[in-house]
PDB file of N, CA and C in Angstrom:
ATOM      1  N   MET A   1       0.839  -1.178   0.000  1.00  0.00           N
ATOM      2  CA  MET A   1       0.000   0.000   0.000  1.00  0.00           C
ATOM      3  C   MET A   1       0.883   1.240   0.000  1.00  0.00           C
ATOM      4  N   ARG A   2       0.485   2.232  -0.786  1.00  0.00           N
ATOM      5  CA  ARG A   2       1.199   3.501  -0.831  1.00  0.00           C
ATOM      6  C   ARG A   2       0.271   4.607  -0.375  1.00  0.00           C
ATOM      7  N   ILE A   3       0.776   5.493   0.413  1.00  0.00           N
ATOM      8  CA  ILE A   3       0.009   6.643   0.872  1.00  0.00           C
ATOM      9  C   ILE A   3       0.459   7.850   0.052  1.00  0.00           C
ATOM     10  N   ALA A   4      -0.505   8.564  -0.484  1.00  0.00           N
ATOM     11  CA  ALA A   4      -0.180   9.744  -1.274  1.00  0.00           C
ATOM     12  C   ALA A   4       0.341  10.848  -0.375  1.00  0.00           C
ATOM     13  N   PRO A   5       1.474  11.434  -0.711  1.00  0.00           N
ATOM     14  CA  PRO A   5       2.002  12.533   0.100  1.00  0.00           C
ATOM     15  C   PRO A   5       1.136  13.780  -0.085  1.00  0.00           C
ATOM     16  N   PRO A   6       1.159  14.686   0.881  1.00  0.00           N
ATOM     17  CA  PRO A   6       0.400  15.934   0.719  1.00  0.00           C
ATOM     18  C   PRO A   6       0.870  16.675  -0.531  1.00  0.00           C
ATOM     19  N   ASP A   7      -0.063  17.276  -1.222  1.00  0.00           N
ATOM     20  CA  ASP A   7       0.262  17.998  -2.453  1.00  0.00           C
ATOM     21  C   ASP A   7      -0.523  19.304  -2.430  1.00  0.00           C
ATOM     22  N   ASP A   8       0.081  20.332  -1.867  1.00  0.00           N
ATOM     23  CA  ASP A   8      -0.620  21.595  -1.656  1.00  0.00           C
ATOM     24  C   ASP A   8      -0.802  22.440  -2.908  1.00  0.00           C
ATOM     25  N   ASN A   9      -0.101  22.129  -3.974  1.00  0.00           N
ATOM     26  CA  ASN A   9      -0.239  22.962  -5.177  1.00  0.00           C
ATOM     27  C   ASN A   9      -0.694  22.164  -6.397  1.00  0.00           C
ATOM     28  N   LEU A  10      -1.347  21.032  -6.192  1.00  0.00           N
ATOM     29  CA  LEU A  10      -1.841  20.230  -7.315  1.00  0.00           C
ATOM     30  C   LEU A  10      -2.809  21.029  -8.173  1.00  0.00           C
ATOM     31  N   ALA A  11      -3.758  21.714  -7.543  1.00  0.00           N
ATOM     32  CA  ALA A  11      -4.746  22.483  -8.309  1.00  0.00           C
ATOM     33  C   ALA A  11      -4.078  23.566  -9.149  1.00  0.00           C
ATOM     34  N   GLU A  12      -3.113  24.234  -8.579  1.00  0.00           N
ATOM     35  CA  GLU A  12      -2.402  25.285  -9.307  1.00  0.00           C
ATOM     36  C   GLU A  12      -1.662  24.707 -10.518  1.00  0.00           C
ATOM     37  N   ARG A  13      -0.960  23.595 -10.311  1.00  0.00           N
ATOM     38  CA  ARG A  13      -0.218  22.967 -11.414  1.00  0.00           C
ATOM     39  C   ARG A  13      -1.166  22.476 -12.495  1.00  0.00           C
ATOM     40  N   LEU A  14      -2.280  21.846 -12.098  1.00  0.00           N
ATOM     41  CA  LEU A  14      -3.259  21.380 -13.088  1.00  0.00           C
ATOM     42  C   LEU A  14      -3.843  22.546 -13.866  1.00  0.00           C
ATOM     43  N   GLY A  15      -4.141  23.634 -13.165  1.00  0.00           N
ATOM     44  CA  GLY A  15      -4.694  24.809 -13.833  1.00  0.00           C
ATOM     45  C   GLY A  15      -3.771  25.322 -14.929  1.00  0.00           C
ATOM     46  N   ILE A  16      -2.498  25.418 -14.622  1.00  0.00           N
ATOM     47  CA  ILE A  16      -1.520  25.898 -15.604  1.00  0.00           C
ATOM     48  C   ILE A  16      -1.446  24.949 -16.796  1.00  0.00           C
ATOM     49  N   LEU A  17      -1.318  23.656 -16.513  1.00  0.00           N
ATOM     50  CA  LEU A  17      -1.179  22.672 -17.592  1.00  0.00           C
ATOM     51  C   LEU A  17      -2.436  22.580 -18.457  1.00  0.00           C
ATOM     52  N   LEU A  18      -3.593  22.528 -17.812  1.00  0.00           N
ATOM     53  CA  LEU A  18      -4.832  22.361 -18.587  1.00  0.00           C
ATOM     54  C   LEU A  18      -5.207  23.627 -19.342  1.00  0.00           C
ATOM     55  N   ASN A  19      -4.900  24.792 -18.798  1.00  0.00           N
ATOM     56  CA  ASN A  19      -5.143  26.032 -19.551  1.00  0.00           C
ATOM     57  C   ASN A  19      -4.277  26.069 -20.804  1.00  0.00           C
ATOM     58  N   ARG A  20      -3.046  25.585 -20.693  1.00  0.00           N
ATOM     59  CA  ARG A  20      -2.157  25.541 -21.859  1.00  0.00           C
ATOM     60  C   ARG A  20      -2.721  24.599 -22.922  1.00  0.00           C
ATOM     61  N   LYS A  21      -3.213  23.428 -22.484  1.00  0.00           N
ATOM     62  CA  LYS A  21      -3.816  22.476 -23.432  1.00  0.00           C
ATOM     63  C   LYS A  21      -5.111  23.028 -24.015  1.00  0.00           C
ATOM     64  N   ALA A  22      -5.926  23.657 -23.168  1.00  0.00           N
ATOM     65  CA  ALA A  22      -7.205  24.196 -23.618  1.00  0.00           C
ATOM     66  C   ALA A  22      -7.012  25.285 -24.675  1.00  0.00           C
ATOM     67  N   ALA A  23      -5.967  26.081 -24.537  1.00  0.00           N
ATOM     68  CA  ALA A  23      -5.692  27.135 -25.517  1.00  0.00           C
ATOM     69  C   ALA A  23      -5.479  26.554 -26.910  1.00  0.00           C
ATOM     70  N   LYS A  24      -4.921  25.359 -26.981  1.00  0.00           N
ATOM     71  CA  LYS A  24      -4.701  24.707 -28.278  1.00  0.00           C
ATOM     72  C   LYS A  24      -6.011  24.236 -28.900  1.00  0.00           C
ATOM     73  N   LEU A  25      -7.027  24.030 -28.067  1.00  0.00           N
ATOM     74  CA  LEU A  25      -8.330  23.556 -28.573  1.00  0.00           C
ATOM     75  C   LEU A  25      -9.241  24.695 -29.014  1.00  0.00           C
ATOM     76  N   LYS A  26      -9.002  25.902 -28.536  1.00  0.00           N
ATOM     77  CA  LYS A  26      -9.890  27.037 -28.821  1.00  0.00           C
ATOM     78  C   LYS A  26     -10.180  27.243 -30.307  1.00  0.00           C
ATOM     79  N   PRO A  27      -9.180  27.178 -31.197  1.00  0.00           N
ATOM     80  CA  PRO A  27      -9.491  27.396 -32.617  1.00  0.00           C
ATOM     81  C   PRO A  27     -10.511  26.381 -33.163  1.00  0.00           C
ATOM     82  N   TYR A  28     -10.446  25.153 -32.692  1.00  0.00           N
ATOM     83  CA  TYR A  28     -11.373  24.126 -33.169  1.00  0.00           C
ATOM     84  C   TYR A  28     -12.766  24.378 -32.622  1.00  0.00           C
ATOM     85  N   ARG A  29     -12.834  24.811 -31.373  1.00  0.00           N
ATOM     86  CA  ARG A  29     -14.134  25.096 -30.764  1.00  0.00           C
ATOM     87  C   ARG A  29     -14.797  26.271 -31.467  1.00  0.00           C
ATOM     88  N   SER A  30     -14.013  27.280 -31.842  1.00  0.00           N
ATOM     89  CA  SER A  30     -14.590  28.442 -32.513  1.00  0.00           C
ATOM     90  C   SER A  30     -15.098  28.086 -33.910  1.00  0.00           C
ATOM     91  N   GLU A  31     -14.633  26.970 -34.452  1.00  0.00           N
ATOM     92  CA  GLU A  31     -15.127  26.491 -35.749  1.00  0.00           C
ATOM     93  C   GLU A  31     -16.361  25.609 -35.582  1.00  0.00           C
ATOM     94  N   GLY A  32     -16.871  25.499 -34.348  1.00  0.00           N
ATOM     95  CA  GLY A  32     -18.077  24.735 -34.099  1.00  0.00           C
ATOM     96  C   GLY A  32     -17.853  23.272 -33.766  1.00  0.00           C
ATOM     97  N   LYS A  33     -16.626  22.884 -33.584  1.00  0.00           N
ATOM     98  CA  LYS A  33     -16.335  21.496 -33.245  1.00  0.00           C
ATOM     99  C   LYS A  33     -16.402  21.304 -31.724  1.00  0.00           C
ATOM    100  N   THR A  34     -16.714  20.093 -31.285  1.00  0.00           N
ATOM    101  CA  THR A  34     -16.704  19.762 -29.872  1.00  0.00           C
ATOM    102  C   THR A  34     -15.269  19.457 -29.455  1.00  0.00           C
ATOM    103  N   THR A  35     -14.813  20.099 -28.387  1.00  0.00           N
ATOM    104  CA  THR A  35     -13.444  19.885 -27.930  1.00  0.00           C
ATOM    105  C   THR A  35     -13.455  18.991 -26.689  1.00  0.00           C
ATOM    106  N   VAL A  36     -12.572  18.013 -26.697  1.00  0.00           N
ATOM    107  CA  VAL A  36     -12.460  17.045 -25.604  1.00  0.00           C
ATOM    108  C   VAL A  36     -11.010  17.009 -25.145  1.00  0.00           C
ATOM    109  N   LEU A  37     -10.815  17.190 -23.856  1.00  0.00           N
ATOM    110  CA  LEU A  37      -9.482  17.082 -23.271  1.00  0.00           C
ATOM    111  C   LEU A  37      -9.456  15.806 -22.442  1.00  0.00           C
ATOM    112  N   LEU A  38      -8.573  14.882 -22.809  1.00  0.00           N
ATOM    113  CA  LEU A  38      -8.434  13.601 -22.125  1.00  0.00           C
ATOM    114  C   LEU A  38      -7.124  13.610 -21.338  1.00  0.00           C
ATOM    115  N   VAL A  39      -7.236  13.447 -20.015  1.00  0.00           N
ATOM    116  CA  VAL A  39      -6.068  13.431 -19.145  1.00  0.00           C
ATOM    117  C   VAL A  39      -5.914  12.018 -18.612  1.00  0.00           C
ATOM    118  N   GLU A  40      -4.724  11.462 -18.789  1.00  0.00           N
ATOM    119  CA  GLU A  40      -4.458  10.063 -18.410  1.00  0.00           C
ATOM    120  C   GLU A  40      -3.595  10.016 -17.163  1.00  0.00           C
ATOM    121  N   SER A  41      -3.901   9.046 -16.297  1.00  0.00           N
ATOM    122  CA  SER A  41      -3.071   8.797 -15.126  1.00  0.00           C
ATOM    123  C   SER A  41      -2.933   7.303 -14.929  1.00  0.00           C
ATOM    124  N   GLY A  42      -1.709   6.854 -14.705  1.00  0.00           N
ATOM    125  CA  GLY A  42      -1.447   5.442 -14.495  1.00  0.00           C
ATOM    126  C   GLY A  42      -1.033   5.119 -13.065  1.00  0.00           C
ATOM    127  N   ASP A  43      -1.234   6.048 -12.134  1.00  0.00           N
ATOM    128  CA  ASP A  43      -0.813   5.837 -10.753  1.00  0.00           C
ATOM    129  C   ASP A  43      -2.013   5.906  -9.824  1.00  0.00           C
ATOM    130  N   ILE A  44      -2.558   4.749  -9.470  1.00  0.00           N
ATOM    131  CA  ILE A  44      -3.768   4.687  -8.658  1.00  0.00           C
ATOM    132  C   ILE A  44      -3.550   5.247  -7.254  1.00  0.00           C
ATOM    133  N   ALA A  45      -2.350   5.150  -6.721  1.00  0.00           N
ATOM    134  CA  ALA A  45      -2.090   5.627  -5.364  1.00  0.00           C
ATOM    135  C   ALA A  45      -2.001   7.145  -5.289  1.00  0.00           C
ATOM    136  N   LEU A  46      -1.405   7.753  -6.289  1.00  0.00           N
ATOM    137  CA  LEU A  46      -1.174   9.189  -6.231  1.00  0.00           C
ATOM    138  C   LEU A  46      -2.223  10.011  -6.960  1.00  0.00           C
ATOM    139  N   MET A  47      -2.988   9.402  -7.860  1.00  0.00           N
ATOM    140  CA  MET A  47      -3.963  10.197  -8.608  1.00  0.00           C
ATOM    141  C   MET A  47      -5.191   9.356  -8.932  1.00  0.00           C
ATOM    142  N   ASN A  48      -6.197   9.434  -8.072  1.00  0.00           N
ATOM    143  CA  ASN A  48      -7.449   8.774  -8.399  1.00  0.00           C
ATOM    144  C   ASN A  48      -8.432   9.814  -8.920  1.00  0.00           C
ATOM    145  N   VAL A  49      -9.544   9.365  -9.439  1.00  0.00           N
ATOM    146  CA  VAL A  49     -10.477  10.276 -10.100  1.00  0.00           C
ATOM    147  C   VAL A  49     -11.039  11.313  -9.129  1.00  0.00           C
ATOM    148  N   GLN A  50     -11.284  10.941  -7.885  1.00  0.00           N
ATOM    149  CA  GLN A  50     -11.840  11.898  -6.928  1.00  0.00           C
ATOM    150  C   GLN A  50     -10.831  12.985  -6.562  1.00  0.00           C
ATOM    151  N   LYS A  51      -9.592  12.590  -6.351  1.00  0.00           N
ATOM    152  CA  LYS A  51      -8.545  13.572  -6.054  1.00  0.00           C
ATOM    153  C   LYS A  51      -8.367  14.529  -7.235  1.00  0.00           C
ATOM    154  N   PHE A  52      -8.407  13.978  -8.439  1.00  0.00           N
ATOM    155  CA  PHE A  52      -8.269  14.787  -9.644  1.00  0.00           C
ATOM    156  C   PHE A  52      -9.441  15.754  -9.780  1.00  0.00           C
ATOM    157  N   ALA A  53     -10.666  15.270  -9.567  1.00  0.00           N
ATOM    158  CA  ALA A  53     -11.857  16.128  -9.671  1.00  0.00           C
ATOM    159  C   ALA A  53     -11.823  17.235  -8.619  1.00  0.00           C
ATOM    160  N   ASN A  54     -11.400  16.923  -7.401  1.00  0.00           N
ATOM    161  CA  ASN A  54     -11.314  17.944  -6.358  1.00  0.00           C
ATOM    162  C   ASN A  54     -10.318  19.029  -6.738  1.00  0.00           C
ATOM    163  N   ALA A  55      -9.175  18.639  -7.274  1.00  0.00           N
ATOM    164  CA  ALA A  55      -8.171  19.617  -7.693  1.00  0.00           C
ATOM    165  C   ALA A  55      -8.688  20.462  -8.854  1.00  0.00           C
ATOM    166  N   LEU A  56      -9.447  19.842  -9.755  1.00  0.00           N
ATOM    167  CA  LEU A  56     -10.007  20.592 -10.876  1.00  0.00           C
ATOM    168  C   LEU A  56     -11.052  21.594 -10.411  1.00  0.00           C
ATOM    169  N   ARG A  57     -11.878  21.209  -9.428  1.00  0.00           N
ATOM    170  CA  ARG A  57     -12.866  22.149  -8.878  1.00  0.00           C
ATOM    171  C   ARG A  57     -12.170  23.373  -8.290  1.00  0.00           C
ATOM    172  N   GLU A  58     -11.045  23.131  -7.644  1.00  0.00           N
ATOM    173  CA  GLU A  58     -10.290  24.242  -7.062  1.00  0.00           C
ATOM    174  C   GLU A  58      -9.651  25.104  -8.154  1.00  0.00           C
ATOM    175  N   ALA A  59      -9.111  24.465  -9.174  1.00  0.00           N
ATOM    176  CA  ALA A  59      -8.442  25.196 -10.259  1.00  0.00           C
ATOM    177  C   ALA A  59      -9.431  25.930 -11.157  1.00  0.00           C
ATOM    178  N   PHE A  60     -10.619  25.350 -11.351  1.00  0.00           N
ATOM    179  CA  PHE A  60     -11.617  25.919 -12.258  1.00  0.00           C
ATOM    180  C   PHE A  60     -12.971  26.001 -11.546  1.00  0.00           C
ATOM    181  N   PRO A  61     -13.122  26.934 -10.601  1.00  0.00           N
ATOM    182  CA  PRO A  61     -14.344  26.989  -9.791  1.00  0.00           C
ATOM    183  C   PRO A  61     -15.606  27.338 -10.571  1.00  0.00           C
ATOM    184  N   THR A  62     -15.469  27.917 -11.758  1.00  0.00           N
ATOM    185  CA  THR A  62     -16.655  28.293 -12.536  1.00  0.00           C
ATOM    186  C   THR A  62     -17.001  27.290 -13.629  1.00  0.00           C
ATOM    187  N   GLY A  63     -16.257  26.209 -13.744  1.00  0.00           N
ATOM    188  CA  GLY A  63     -16.543  25.197 -14.762  1.00  0.00           C
ATOM    189  C   GLY A  63     -15.299  24.769 -15.506  1.00  0.00           C
ATOM    190  N   LEU A  64     -15.499  24.216 -16.671  1.00  0.00           N
ATOM    191  CA  LEU A  64     -14.392  23.683 -17.471  1.00  0.00           C
ATOM    192  C   LEU A  64     -13.467  24.793 -17.957  1.00  0.00           C
ATOM    193  N   PRO A  65     -12.219  24.452 -18.251  1.00  0.00           N
ATOM    194  CA  PRO A  65     -11.300  25.450 -18.809  1.00  0.00           C
ATOM    195  C   PRO A  65     -11.864  26.041 -20.102  1.00  0.00           C
ATOM    196  N   ASP A  66     -11.581  27.309 -20.332  1.00  0.00           N
ATOM    197  CA  ASP A  66     -12.054  27.985 -21.538  1.00  0.00           C
ATOM    198  C   ASP A  66     -11.511  27.275 -22.777  1.00  0.00           C
ATOM    199  N   GLY A  67     -12.403  26.904 -23.663  1.00  0.00           N
ATOM    200  CA  GLY A  67     -12.012  26.206 -24.884  1.00  0.00           C
ATOM    201  C   GLY A  67     -12.276  24.713 -24.837  1.00  0.00           C
ATOM    202  N   VAL A  68     -12.751  24.210 -23.691  1.00  0.00           N
ATOM    203  CA  VAL A  68     -12.979  22.775 -23.518  1.00  0.00           C
ATOM    204  C   VAL A  68     -14.466  22.504 -23.324  1.00  0.00           C
ATOM    205  N   ASP A  69     -15.012  21.612 -24.155  1.00  0.00           N
ATOM    206  CA  ASP A  69     -16.410  21.200 -24.003  1.00  0.00           C
ATOM    207  C   ASP A  69     -16.546  20.012 -23.058  1.00  0.00           C
ATOM    208  N   GLU A  70     -15.598  19.101 -23.125  1.00  0.00           N
ATOM    209  CA  GLU A  70     -15.620  17.909 -22.282  1.00  0.00           C
ATOM    210  C   GLU A  70     -14.223  17.649 -21.741  1.00  0.00           C
ATOM    211  N   LEU A  71     -14.180  17.246 -20.457  1.00  0.00           N
ATOM    212  CA  LEU A  71     -12.919  16.913 -19.820  1.00  0.00           C
ATOM    213  C   LEU A  71     -13.049  15.513 -19.240  1.00  0.00           C
ATOM    214  N   TRP A  72     -12.185  14.609 -19.689  1.00  0.00           N
ATOM    215  CA  TRP A  72     -12.242  13.205 -19.294  1.00  0.00           C
ATOM    216  C   TRP A  72     -10.949  12.801 -18.613  1.00  0.00           C
ATOM    217  N   HIS A  73     -11.065  11.870 -17.676  1.00  0.00           N
ATOM    218  CA  HIS A  73      -9.923  11.276 -16.993  1.00  0.00           C
ATOM    219  C   HIS A  73      -9.856   9.813 -17.406  1.00  0.00           C
ATOM    220  N   ALA A  74      -8.695   9.374 -17.857  1.00  0.00           N
ATOM    221  CA  ALA A  74      -8.480   7.970 -18.204  1.00  0.00           C
ATOM    222  C   ALA A  74      -7.578   7.360 -17.141  1.00  0.00           C
ATOM    223  N   ASP A  75      -8.130   6.414 -16.384  1.00  0.00           N
ATOM    224  CA  ASP A  75      -7.353   5.716 -15.359  1.00  0.00           C
ATOM    225  C   ASP A  75      -6.767   4.472 -16.009  1.00  0.00           C
ATOM    226  N   THR A  76      -5.459   4.489 -16.203  1.00  0.00           N
ATOM    227  CA  THR A  76      -4.770   3.367 -16.843  1.00  0.00           C
ATOM    228  C   THR A  76      -3.906   2.600 -15.848  1.00  0.00           C
ATOM    229  N   SER A  77      -4.223   2.745 -14.564  1.00  0.00           N
ATOM    230  CA  SER A  77      -3.406   2.102 -13.532  1.00  0.00           C
ATOM    231  C   SER A  77      -3.558   0.583 -13.516  1.00  0.00           C
ATOM    232  N   VAL A  78      -4.693   0.077 -13.978  1.00  0.00           N
ATOM    233  CA  VAL A  78      -4.922  -1.370 -14.080  1.00  0.00           C
ATOM    234  C   VAL A  78      -5.216  -1.650 -15.555  1.00  0.00           C
ATOM    235  N   PRO A  79      -4.194  -2.029 -16.330  1.00  0.00           N
ATOM    236  CA  PRO A  79      -4.363  -2.158 -17.781  1.00  0.00           C
ATOM    237  C   PRO A  79      -5.524  -3.055 -18.218  1.00  0.00           C
ATOM    238  N   ALA A  80      -5.858  -4.057 -17.418  1.00  0.00           N
ATOM    239  CA  ALA A  80      -6.952  -4.962 -17.806  1.00  0.00           C
ATOM    240  C   ALA A  80      -8.324  -4.344 -17.563  1.00  0.00           C
ATOM    241  N   ALA A  81      -8.363  -3.223 -16.853  1.00  0.00           N
ATOM    242  CA  ALA A  81      -9.653  -2.606 -16.522  1.00  0.00           C
ATOM    243  C   ALA A  81      -9.557  -1.090 -16.659  1.00  0.00           C
ATOM    244  N   LEU A  82      -9.339  -0.603 -17.873  1.00  0.00           N
ATOM    245  CA  LEU A  82      -9.250   0.840 -18.091  1.00  0.00           C
ATOM    246  C   LEU A  82     -10.576   1.497 -17.737  1.00  0.00           C
ATOM    247  N   GLU A  83     -10.482   2.663 -17.091  1.00  0.00           N
ATOM    248  CA  GLU A  83     -11.678   3.404 -16.735  1.00  0.00           C
ATOM    249  C   GLU A  83     -11.594   4.804 -17.318  1.00  0.00           C
ATOM    250  N   PHE A  84     -12.717   5.288 -17.831  1.00  0.00           N
ATOM    251  CA  PHE A  84     -12.813   6.637 -18.359  1.00  0.00           C
ATOM    252  C   PHE A  84     -13.919   7.354 -17.599  1.00  0.00           C
ATOM    253  N   TRP A  85     -13.611   8.548 -17.100  1.00  0.00           N
ATOM    254  CA  TRP A  85     -14.547   9.318 -16.301  1.00  0.00           C
ATOM    255  C   TRP A  85     -14.787  10.680 -16.957  1.00  0.00           C
ATOM    256  N   ASP A  86     -16.046  11.031 -17.141  1.00  0.00           N
ATOM    257  CA  ASP A  86     -16.420  12.364 -17.620  1.00  0.00           C
ATOM    258  C   ASP A  86     -16.395  13.284 -16.410  1.00  0.00           C
ATOM    259  N   LEU A  87     -15.417  14.171 -16.337  1.00  0.00           N
ATOM    260  CA  LEU A  87     -15.234  15.020 -15.169  1.00  0.00           C
ATOM    261  C   LEU A  87     -16.057  16.294 -15.209  1.00  0.00           C
ATOM    262  N   GLY A  88     -16.652  16.618 -16.337  1.00  0.00           N
ATOM    263  CA  GLY A  88     -17.476  17.835 -16.413  1.00  0.00           C
ATOM    264  C   GLY A  88     -18.527  17.880 -15.320  1.00  0.00           C
ATOM    265  N   PRO A  89     -19.388  16.867 -15.215  1.00  0.00           N
ATOM    266  CA  PRO A  89     -20.401  16.883 -14.147  1.00  0.00           C
ATOM    267  C   PRO A  89     -19.789  16.881 -12.756  1.00  0.00           C
ATOM    268  N   MET A  90     -18.656  16.220 -12.580  1.00  0.00           N
ATOM    269  CA  MET A  90     -18.016  16.168 -11.268  1.00  0.00           C
ATOM    270  C   MET A  90     -17.472  17.538 -10.868  1.00  0.00           C
ATOM    271  N   ILE A  91     -16.932  18.257 -11.833  1.00  0.00           N
ATOM    272  CA  ILE A  91     -16.387  19.584 -11.548  1.00  0.00           C
ATOM    273  C   ILE A  91     -17.508  20.547 -11.193  1.00  0.00           C
ATOM    274  N   LEU A  92     -18.622  20.421 -11.884  1.00  0.00           N
ATOM    275  CA  LEU A  92     -19.735  21.317 -11.643  1.00  0.00           C
ATOM    276  C   LEU A  92     -20.568  20.892 -10.438  1.00  0.00           C
ATOM    277  N   GLY A  93     -20.208  19.778  -9.796  1.00  0.00           N
ATOM    278  CA  GLY A  93     -20.906  19.337  -8.594  1.00  0.00           C
ATOM    279  C   GLY A  93     -22.052  18.391  -8.844  1.00  0.00           C
ATOM    280  N   ASN A  94     -22.214  17.897 -10.064  1.00  0.00           N
ATOM    281  CA  ASN A  94     -23.294  16.966 -10.403  1.00  0.00           C
ATOM    282  C   ASN A  94     -22.726  15.569 -10.543  1.00  0.00           C
ATOM    283  N   GLN A  95     -22.295  14.993  -9.440  1.00  0.00           N
ATOM    284  CA  GLN A  95     -21.669  13.674  -9.512  1.00  0.00           C
ATOM    285  C   GLN A  95     -22.663  12.642  -9.984  1.00  0.00           C
ATOM    286  N   HIS A  96     -22.134  11.685 -10.754  1.00  0.00           N
ATOM    287  CA  HIS A  96     -22.977  10.588 -11.243  1.00  0.00           C
ATOM    288  C   HIS A  96     -22.277   9.283 -11.064  1.00  0.00           C
TER     289      HIS A  96
END
């Protein structure tokens, strides 16, 4: 078992990284296309979907990053059981 160390600036780091990625999607969104940002994590101990969603809520309190229609998390920590999570509802507080 591994315990995740405290990470006081995860939300800040995610905000910077995802805003940079979202900026690349803006031209496609302005052309009427649906933009999807897929973030992958292969470390179940240090990054689970709930921890990621909490950090995203902190980084983007008003919703998804500008330029992004959908934000998904791909959990690849167990290769035989890949999981994909739509984080949009989770960020906005509508967990499903």
